[in-house]
Protein backbone atom coordinates (compact mmCIF):
# COMPACT_ATOMS: atom_id res chain seq x y z
CA MET A 1 0.00 0.00 0.00
CA PHE A 2 2.80 2.42 0.88
CA ARG A 3 4.57 1.88 -2.45
CA PHE A 4 1.27 2.30 -4.25
CA LEU A 5 0.59 5.63 -2.55
CA VAL A 6 4.13 6.85 -3.28
CA ARG A 7 3.67 6.04 -6.96
CA ARG A 8 0.30 7.78 -7.03
CA VAL A 9 1.65 10.91 -5.34
CA PHE A 10 4.57 11.04 -7.77
CA GLY A 11 2.18 10.62 -10.69
CA ALA A 12 -0.03 13.37 -9.27
CA LEU A 13 2.90 15.78 -9.13
CA VAL A 14 3.73 15.01 -12.76
CA ILE A 15 0.11 15.64 -13.78
CA LEU A 16 0.03 18.97 -11.93
CA LEU A 17 3.31 19.97 -13.60
CA ILE A 18 1.91 19.19 -17.05
CA ILE A 19 -1.36 21.03 -16.35
CA SER A 20 0.43 24.14 -15.11
CA ALA A 21 2.78 24.13 -18.11
CA ILE A 22 -0.10 23.80 -20.59
CA THR A 23 -2.06 26.57 -18.87
CA PHE A 24 1.01 28.79 -18.89
CA TRP A 25 1.55 28.20 -22.61
CA LEU A 26 -2.12 28.72 -23.52
CA PHE A 27 -2.09 32.14 -21.90
CA TYR A 28 0.38 33.35 -24.52
CA ALA A 29 -2.00 32.33 -27.29
CA VAL A 30 -4.30 35.15 -26.14
CA PRO A 31 -3.38 38.41 -27.95
CA ARG A 32 -3.52 40.63 -24.84
CA ASP A 33 -0.73 42.34 -22.95
CA PRO A 34 -1.27 41.92 -19.19
CA ALA A 35 1.06 44.83 -18.49
CA MET A 36 -1.42 47.20 -20.16
CA MET A 37 -4.02 46.42 -17.49
CA SER A 38 -1.60 47.36 -14.72
CA CYS A 39 -0.31 50.45 -16.48
CA GLY A 40 -3.56 52.43 -16.46
CA LYS A 41 -4.89 55.08 -18.86
CA ASN A 42 -1.94 57.49 -18.83
CA CYS A 43 0.55 54.81 -19.76
CA THR A 44 3.92 55.66 -21.29
CA PRO A 45 6.25 53.23 -23.05
CA GLU A 46 8.73 53.63 -20.20
CA ASN A 47 6.12 52.77 -17.57
CA LEU A 48 4.94 49.83 -19.63
CA GLU A 49 8.45 48.43 -19.91
CA GLN A 50 9.04 48.87 -16.19
CA ILE A 51 5.84 47.01 -15.35
CA ARG A 52 6.83 44.15 -17.65
CA LYS A 53 10.14 43.95 -15.81
CA ASN A 54 8.52 44.10 -12.36
CA LEU A 55 6.09 41.34 -13.24
CA GLY A 56 8.80 39.27 -14.88
CA ILE A 57 7.02 39.04 -18.23
CA ASP A 58 9.86 40.58 -20.24
CA GLU A 59 11.65 37.20 -20.33
CA SER A 60 11.06 34.14 -22.47
CA ILE A 61 8.11 31.91 -21.65
CA VAL A 62 10.44 29.12 -20.48
CA MET A 63 12.20 31.40 -17.97
CA GLN A 64 8.91 32.85 -16.79
CA TYR A 65 7.54 29.38 -16.11
CA TRP A 66 10.74 28.35 -14.33
CA HIS A 67 10.62 31.41 -12.06
CA TRP A 68 6.97 30.75 -11.30
CA LEU A 69 7.61 27.08 -10.52
CA SER A 70 10.65 27.72 -8.33
CA GLY A 71 8.76 30.45 -6.46
CA ILE A 72 6.31 27.86 -5.15
CA PHE A 73 9.08 26.13 -3.20
CA ALA A 74 11.63 28.89 -2.55
CA GLY A 75 9.71 32.17 -2.77
CA ARG A 76 10.41 34.93 -5.24
CA ASP A 77 11.49 38.56 -5.23
CA TYR A 78 9.33 40.89 -7.35
CA ALA A 79 10.85 44.26 -8.18
CA GLY A 80 8.37 46.94 -7.22
CA TYR A 81 6.23 44.52 -5.18
CA GLY A 82 8.60 43.05 -2.63
CA TYR A 83 9.47 39.51 -1.63
CA CYS A 84 6.81 36.83 -2.03
CA ASP A 85 7.15 34.06 0.57
CA ALA A 86 6.78 30.41 -0.40
CA PRO A 87 4.43 29.08 -1.58
CA CYS A 88 4.53 32.00 -3.98
CA LEU A 89 2.13 31.78 -6.91
CA GLY A 90 2.99 35.25 -8.12
CA TYR A 91 1.18 38.59 -8.10
CA SER A 92 -2.09 39.24 -9.85
CA PHE A 93 -1.78 41.22 -13.08
CA ALA A 94 -5.20 42.77 -12.47
CA ASN A 95 -5.01 43.99 -8.85
CA SER A 96 -1.33 43.52 -7.89
CA GLN A 97 -2.27 41.27 -4.97
CA PRO A 98 -0.50 38.02 -4.01
CA VAL A 99 -2.19 35.09 -5.73
CA TYR A 100 -1.80 32.70 -2.82
CA GLY A 101 -3.35 35.13 -0.33
CA THR A 102 -6.30 35.85 -2.64
CA ILE A 103 -6.98 32.15 -3.17
CA MET A 104 -6.81 31.45 0.56
CA ASP A 105 -9.32 34.25 1.18
CA ARG A 106 -11.78 32.69 -1.27
CA LEU A 107 -11.15 29.04 -0.39
CA PRO A 108 -13.19 28.83 2.89
CA LEU A 109 -16.39 29.74 1.03
CA THR A 110 -15.79 27.09 -1.64
CA LEU A 111 -14.94 24.46 1.00
CA SER A 112 -18.10 25.31 2.92
CA LEU A 113 -20.17 25.08 -0.24
CA ALA A 114 -18.62 21.76 -1.33
CA PHE A 115 -18.70 19.88 1.98
CA GLY A 116 -22.14 21.19 2.98
CA ALA A 117 -23.68 20.11 -0.32
CA ALA A 118 -21.87 16.76 -0.12
CA VAL A 119 -23.53 15.98 3.22
CA PHE A 120 -26.96 16.61 1.69
CA PHE A 121 -26.59 14.71 -1.57
CA LEU A 122 -24.76 11.74 -0.03
CA ILE A 123 -27.31 11.14 2.72
CA ILE A 124 -30.36 11.70 0.52
CA GLY A 125 -28.97 10.13 -2.67
CA ILE A 126 -27.52 6.96 -1.15
CA GLY A 127 -30.50 6.54 1.18
CA ALA A 128 -33.02 6.90 -1.65
CA GLY A 129 -31.03 4.56 -3.89
CA MET A 130 -30.82 1.84 -1.23
CA LEU A 131 -34.52 2.19 -0.47
CA ALA A 132 -35.38 1.87 -4.16
CA ALA A 133 -33.18 -1.22 -4.49
CA SER A 134 -34.83 -2.86 -1.49
CA LYS A 135 -38.25 -2.29 -3.10
CA GLN A 136 -37.15 -3.33 -6.58
CA GLY A 137 -40.00 -3.31 -9.10
CA LYS A 138 -42.50 -1.78 -6.68
CA PHE A 139 -44.07 1.68 -6.65
CA LEU A 140 -41.39 3.22 -4.42
CA ASP A 141 -38.65 2.00 -6.75
CA LYS A 142 -40.38 3.41 -9.83
CA PHE A 143 -41.12 6.70 -8.07
CA ALA A 144 -37.50 7.17 -6.93
CA SER A 145 -36.20 6.31 -10.40
CA SER A 146 -38.56 8.79 -12.06
CA VAL A 147 -37.70 11.58 -9.65
CA SER A 148 -33.95 10.97 -10.01
CA LEU A 149 -34.28 11.00 -13.81
CA LEU A 150 -36.08 14.34 -13.63
CA GLY A 151 -33.51 15.74 -11.21
CA SER A 152 -30.54 14.74 -13.35
CA SER A 153 -32.01 16.66 -16.30
CA LEU A 154 -32.16 19.94 -14.37
CA GLN A 155 -29.44 22.59 -14.47
CA ILE A 156 -28.04 24.53 -11.53
CA TYR A 157 -28.50 27.97 -13.06
CA PHE A 158 -32.19 27.21 -13.81
CA VAL A 159 -33.04 25.65 -10.44
CA GLY A 160 -31.01 28.28 -8.60
CA TYR A 161 -32.83 31.29 -10.04
CA ILE A 162 -36.25 29.64 -9.61
CA ALA A 163 -35.44 28.71 -6.00
CA MET A 164 -34.24 32.23 -5.19
CA PHE A 165 -37.34 33.77 -6.75
CA PHE A 166 -39.78 31.68 -4.75
CA LEU A 167 -37.95 30.71 -1.54
CA VAL A 168 -36.18 34.02 -1.00
CA GLY A 169 -38.17 36.65 -2.90
CA GLU A 170 -41.80 35.51 -2.78
CA LEU A 171 -42.07 33.32 0.33
CA GLY A 172 -39.12 34.61 2.36
CA ILE A 173 -38.43 31.14 3.77
CA LEU A 174 -34.68 31.23 3.18
CA SER A 175 -32.09 34.00 3.40
CA GLN A 176 -30.34 35.55 0.42
CA PRO A 177 -27.23 33.45 -0.35
CA SER A 178 -24.17 34.89 1.37
CA TYR A 179 -21.11 33.75 3.25
CA THR A 180 -20.29 34.27 6.90
CA PRO A 181 -17.29 32.41 8.36
CA LEU A 182 -18.30 29.47 10.50
CA THR A 183 -16.17 30.69 13.40
CA ASP A 184 -17.87 34.11 13.37
CA ASP A 185 -21.52 33.02 13.35
CA PRO A 186 -22.49 29.36 12.78
CA VAL A 187 -26.19 30.22 12.35
CA ALA A 188 -25.47 32.85 9.68
CA TRP A 189 -23.05 30.42 8.00
CA VAL A 190 -25.79 27.81 7.64
CA SER A 191 -28.59 30.19 6.68
CA GLY A 192 -26.47 31.95 4.06
CA LEU A 193 -25.41 28.72 2.32
CA LEU A 194 -28.53 26.62 2.83
CA LEU A 195 -30.10 27.52 -0.52
CA PRO A 196 -26.93 26.73 -2.59
CA TRP A 197 -26.59 23.46 -0.66
CA LEU A 198 -30.17 22.48 -1.48
CA VAL A 199 -29.85 23.38 -5.16
CA LEU A 200 -26.57 21.50 -5.52
CA SER A 201 -28.01 18.52 -3.67
CA ILE A 202 -30.95 18.33 -6.10
CA ILE A 203 -28.61 17.89 -9.07
CA PHE A 204 -26.17 15.51 -7.38
CA THR A 205 -28.77 13.55 -5.40
CA ALA A 206 -30.41 12.40 -8.64
CA ASN A 207 -27.13 10.92 -9.91
CA TYR A 208 -26.30 9.20 -6.62
CA THR A 209 -29.81 7.78 -6.30
CA ARG A 210 -29.65 6.16 -9.74
CA MET A 211 -26.10 4.92 -9.24
CA THR A 212 -26.75 3.51 -5.76
CA ARG A 213 -29.87 1.73 -6.93
CA SER A 214 -28.19 0.15 -9.96
CA GLN A 215 -25.15 -0.95 -7.93
CA MET A 216 -27.28 -2.41 -5.15
CA VAL A 217 -29.47 -4.31 -7.62
CA GLU A 218 -26.35 -5.71 -9.27
CA GLN A 219 -24.79 -6.74 -5.96
CA LEU A 220 -28.00 -8.40 -4.75
CA SER A 221 -27.83 -10.73 -7.75
CA GLU A 222 -24.21 -11.78 -7.11
CA ASP A 223 -23.39 -15.37 -6.15
CA TYR A 224 -21.88 -14.49 -2.76
CA VAL A 225 -25.07 -12.66 -1.77
CA ARG A 226 -27.24 -15.61 -2.77
CA THR A 227 -24.89 -17.88 -0.82
CA ALA A 228 -25.26 -15.70 2.27
CA ARG A 229 -29.03 -15.91 1.97
CA ALA A 230 -28.86 -19.68 1.54
CA LYS A 231 -26.90 -19.95 4.79
CA GLY A 232 -29.82 -18.43 6.64
CA LEU A 233 -28.63 -14.87 7.18
CA SER A 234 -31.38 -12.32 7.53
CA LYS A 235 -32.32 -10.11 4.62
CA ARG A 236 -31.26 -7.03 6.57
CA ASN A 237 -27.88 -8.53 7.41
CA VAL A 238 -27.23 -9.56 3.81
CA PHE A 239 -28.35 -6.17 2.51
CA PHE A 240 -26.05 -4.07 4.70
CA ARG A 241 -23.15 -6.41 5.43
CA PHE A 242 -22.56 -7.77 1.94
CA ALA A 243 -24.46 -5.98 -0.84
CA TRP A 244 -23.99 -2.47 0.55
CA ARG A 245 -20.21 -2.77 0.89
CA GLY A 246 -19.86 -4.14 -2.62
CA ALA A 247 -21.97 -1.32 -4.06
CA MET A 248 -20.06 1.48 -2.38
CA GLY A 249 -16.86 1.12 -4.44
CA PRO A 250 -18.02 2.88 -7.64
CA ILE A 251 -19.98 5.42 -5.59
CA VAL A 252 -16.89 6.37 -3.59
CA THR A 253 -14.96 6.76 -6.84
CA ILE A 254 -17.51 9.16 -8.31
CA PHE A 255 -17.79 11.02 -5.02
CA GLY A 256 -14.04 11.64 -4.96
CA VAL A 257 -14.18 13.20 -8.42
CA ASP A 258 -17.30 15.26 -7.63
CA LEU A 259 -15.88 16.60 -4.37
CA GLY A 260 -12.60 17.48 -6.06
CA VAL A 261 -14.47 19.39 -8.77
CA LEU A 262 -16.57 21.24 -6.17
CA ILE A 263 -13.50 22.24 -4.17
CA GLY A 264 -11.76 23.28 -7.37
CA GLY A 265 -14.57 25.73 -7.87
CA ALA A 266 -18.30 25.31 -8.38
CA ILE A 267 -18.23 27.95 -11.13
CA ILE A 268 -21.89 27.84 -12.14
CA THR A 269 -23.15 27.66 -8.55
CA GLU A 270 -21.03 30.55 -7.31
CA THR A 271 -21.97 32.66 -10.33
CA THR A 272 -25.67 31.89 -9.95
CA PHE A 273 -25.74 32.88 -6.28
CA SER A 274 -23.14 35.69 -6.55
CA LEU A 275 -20.76 33.97 -4.13
CA GLN A 276 -17.13 35.06 -4.19
CA GLY A 277 -15.43 31.68 -4.15
CA ILE A 278 -12.74 29.93 -6.17
CA GLY A 279 -15.04 29.34 -9.15
CA ARG A 280 -15.98 33.01 -9.40
CA LEU A 281 -12.30 33.92 -9.09
CA ALA A 282 -11.48 31.65 -12.04
CA ILE A 283 -14.06 33.38 -14.24
CA GLU A 284 -12.75 36.81 -13.30
CA SER A 285 -9.18 35.73 -14.05
CA VAL A 286 -10.14 34.50 -17.53
CA PHE A 287 -11.83 37.76 -18.47
CA LYS A 288 -8.92 39.80 -17.15
CA SER A 289 -6.23 37.55 -18.68
CA ASP A 290 -4.73 37.33 -15.21
CA LEU A 291 -2.18 34.53 -15.73
CA PRO A 292 -0.83 34.15 -12.17
CA MET A 293 -4.33 34.02 -10.68
CA LEU A 294 -5.58 31.68 -13.38
CA LEU A 295 -2.59 29.39 -12.87
CA GLY A 296 -3.12 29.32 -9.13
CA VAL A 297 -6.80 28.43 -9.44
CA THR A 298 -6.10 25.82 -12.13
CA VAL A 299 -3.41 24.11 -10.06
CA LEU A 300 -5.68 24.18 -7.01
CA ALA A 301 -8.58 22.62 -8.93
CA ALA A 302 -6.37 19.96 -10.50
CA GLY A 303 -4.69 19.27 -7.17
CA ALA A 304 -8.05 18.80 -5.43
CA ILE A 305 -9.23 16.30 -8.05
CA VAL A 306 -5.95 14.36 -8.02
CA MET A 307 -5.76 14.34 -4.21
CA PHE A 308 -9.27 12.98 -3.79
CA ASN A 309 -8.61 10.32 -6.43
CA ILE A 310 -5.66 9.11 -4.34
CA ILE A 311 -7.82 9.12 -1.19
CA VAL A 312 -10.52 7.21 -3.06
CA ASP A 313 -8.03 4.51 -4.06
CA ALA A 314 -7.07 4.03 -0.41
CA VAL A 315 -10.68 4.00 0.80
CA TYR A 316 -11.59 1.57 -1.97
CA ALA A 317 -9.30 -1.04 -0.44
CA LEU A 318 -10.88 -0.56 2.99
CA ILE A 319 -14.40 -1.01 1.64
CA ASP A 320 -13.80 -3.98 -0.66
CA PRO A 321 -11.47 -6.74 0.62
CA ARG A 322 -11.12 -8.05 -2.95
CA ILE A 323 -9.14 -4.93 -3.83
CA ARG A 324 -6.71 -5.56 -0.97
CA LEU A 325 -6.14 -9.13 -2.11
CA ALA A 326 -5.50 -7.96 -5.67
C-alpha cells in the first residue's frame, strides 16, 4: 500500500506539472498584454516596460515558467512589489495582490459550499437509492427512479434562479445566499449557504440515487449474496453487510471526483448565487487575462481532483477486501 501511494503521489505531481505548463503556454495564445491592465490610462512606453520587468514578463516563456515554478518552493522577489514568501504563486496582473493570499481568502467559502452540499446529496442520494433497491420493481422504486431521472435533467442555473425567486423573494423562507465564516456566526453560516446546498443537492442527489440503486441491484444478484441468503442470514444482514459494501466502491470513486471538482470551484453555482469563491475567481481571471491568478486556481482545482482520487483509491481497499487481495 505504501509503495502504491508513493507512486500515485509522484504521478499526481507530474500531472500537476503538465497542467500548469499547458495553462502557462495557452495564456500566450491570447493576444492581450497583461502589463497594459496594470499600467492604467496614462501609460507611457517607459512605464509599460518597467511594469513588464517588475512582473517578470519581459523574459522568455520558459524562464517565466521556471521562475513561477521555483517560487512555489523557494519564494520569489518581485521588483516593485517586494518579496513573495513560499508558496509564492505570483502577483495578480489585475489587482497587484498576491495570488496565494487571494486564493486562501476565497477558499473557505468554496470548501463550505462543497462539503455542505456533499452531506446533503450523499445522505439523501444513497439513502433513496438503497430504499429503491430494497423495493425493486415496486411503486417506491419506480417513483424514486422517475424523480432521479427528472432531477438529473435539471441545471443549476435554472433551479437556482427559480429557487431564489420563490424561496427568498416571494415566500421569504430562506435567506439571500451569502457567506459568513463558520467561526464568526455558525447560524449565519448555515442560513447563508442553505439555498446553494439544497440546489446542488438536487442535481447531485439524482445521480447518486440512480447509481446507488443500480449498484445495489447488481450486488444483490451476485453469487456471494445468494450464498449468504442460503446460509440463513437475515435479509437485513445480507443487505447491509454484503451488498452495501460491494456497491459502495463505484460510488466512492464518483464522489471523490465530484468533491474534487466542487472544491476546485463550483463555477456555475457561485456565479448563480453571486458567491465570491474559487469558481468566481477563475471566471474573473479568464476575463482579465490574469495569468498568475488563473494558474493558481487551475493548479488548485487539478490538485483537489488528483488528491481525492488518491484518497478514493485508499478508501476503496478498505471497503472492498477483494481490492486488498488484488
